[in-house]
Each structure stands twice: as C-alpha cells, then as structure tokens.
Protein backbone atom coordinates (compact mmCIF):
# COMPACT_ATOMS: atom_id res chain seq x y z
CA MET A 1 0.84 -3.27 3.86
CA ASN A 2 -2.32 -4.00 5.80
CA ARG A 3 -0.61 -3.58 9.16
CA GLN A 4 0.94 -0.25 8.12
CA GLU A 5 -2.30 1.00 6.57
CA HIS A 6 -4.31 0.44 9.76
CA SER A 7 -1.68 1.61 12.25
CA ASP A 8 -2.57 4.57 14.49
CA ASN A 9 0.79 6.21 13.82
CA ALA A 10 0.89 5.48 10.09
CA SER A 11 2.79 8.00 8.02
CA LYS A 12 1.36 9.60 4.89
CA GLY A 13 4.07 8.29 2.59
CA GLY A 14 6.60 5.57 2.18
CA MET A 15 8.51 3.34 -0.17
CA LEU A 16 7.59 -0.13 -1.37
CA CYS A 17 10.93 -1.79 -2.18
CA ASP A 18 11.44 -5.45 -2.99
CA SER A 19 12.90 -7.69 -5.66
CA MET A 20 11.42 -7.93 -9.15
CA GLY A 21 8.46 -10.26 -9.60
CA LEU A 22 7.06 -10.12 -6.06
CA GLY A 23 3.87 -8.15 -6.81
CA LYS A 24 4.71 -4.52 -6.00
CA THR A 25 2.63 -3.19 -8.90
CA VAL A 26 -0.40 -5.34 -8.05
CA GLU A 27 -0.11 -4.39 -4.37
CA THR A 28 0.08 -0.67 -5.22
CA ILE A 29 -2.92 -0.83 -7.56
CA ALA A 30 -4.95 -2.70 -4.93
CA VAL A 31 -4.21 -0.04 -2.29
CA MET A 32 -5.07 2.75 -4.74
CA MET A 33 -8.38 1.09 -5.66
CA LYS A 34 -9.25 0.58 -1.99
CA GLN A 35 -8.46 4.23 -1.22
CA LYS A 36 -10.61 5.34 -4.15
CA LEU A 37 -13.58 3.29 -2.89
CA THR A 38 -13.37 4.65 0.66
CA ALA A 39 -12.76 8.28 -0.29
C-alpha cells in the first residue's frame, strides 16, 4: 500500500483483494485515517 500510495503515477482507485484474516479492514482504516489527517 505504501509503495502505491507514494507512486508518481498512482491511480485514484483500486481494489484491495486478499484472503480472509490478513488485515484488509485494518489496512483500509489506517489509510483512511492518514488521508483524513493530511487533508
């Protein structure tokens, strides 16, 4: 996520797909909180 977030050619959308239990929800909330703090 960090590499994609800081890429010069990063898109404005995407999909976070992985198996259950690997932290997708926590990762998404962390990105949303970071965006909220920098906005």
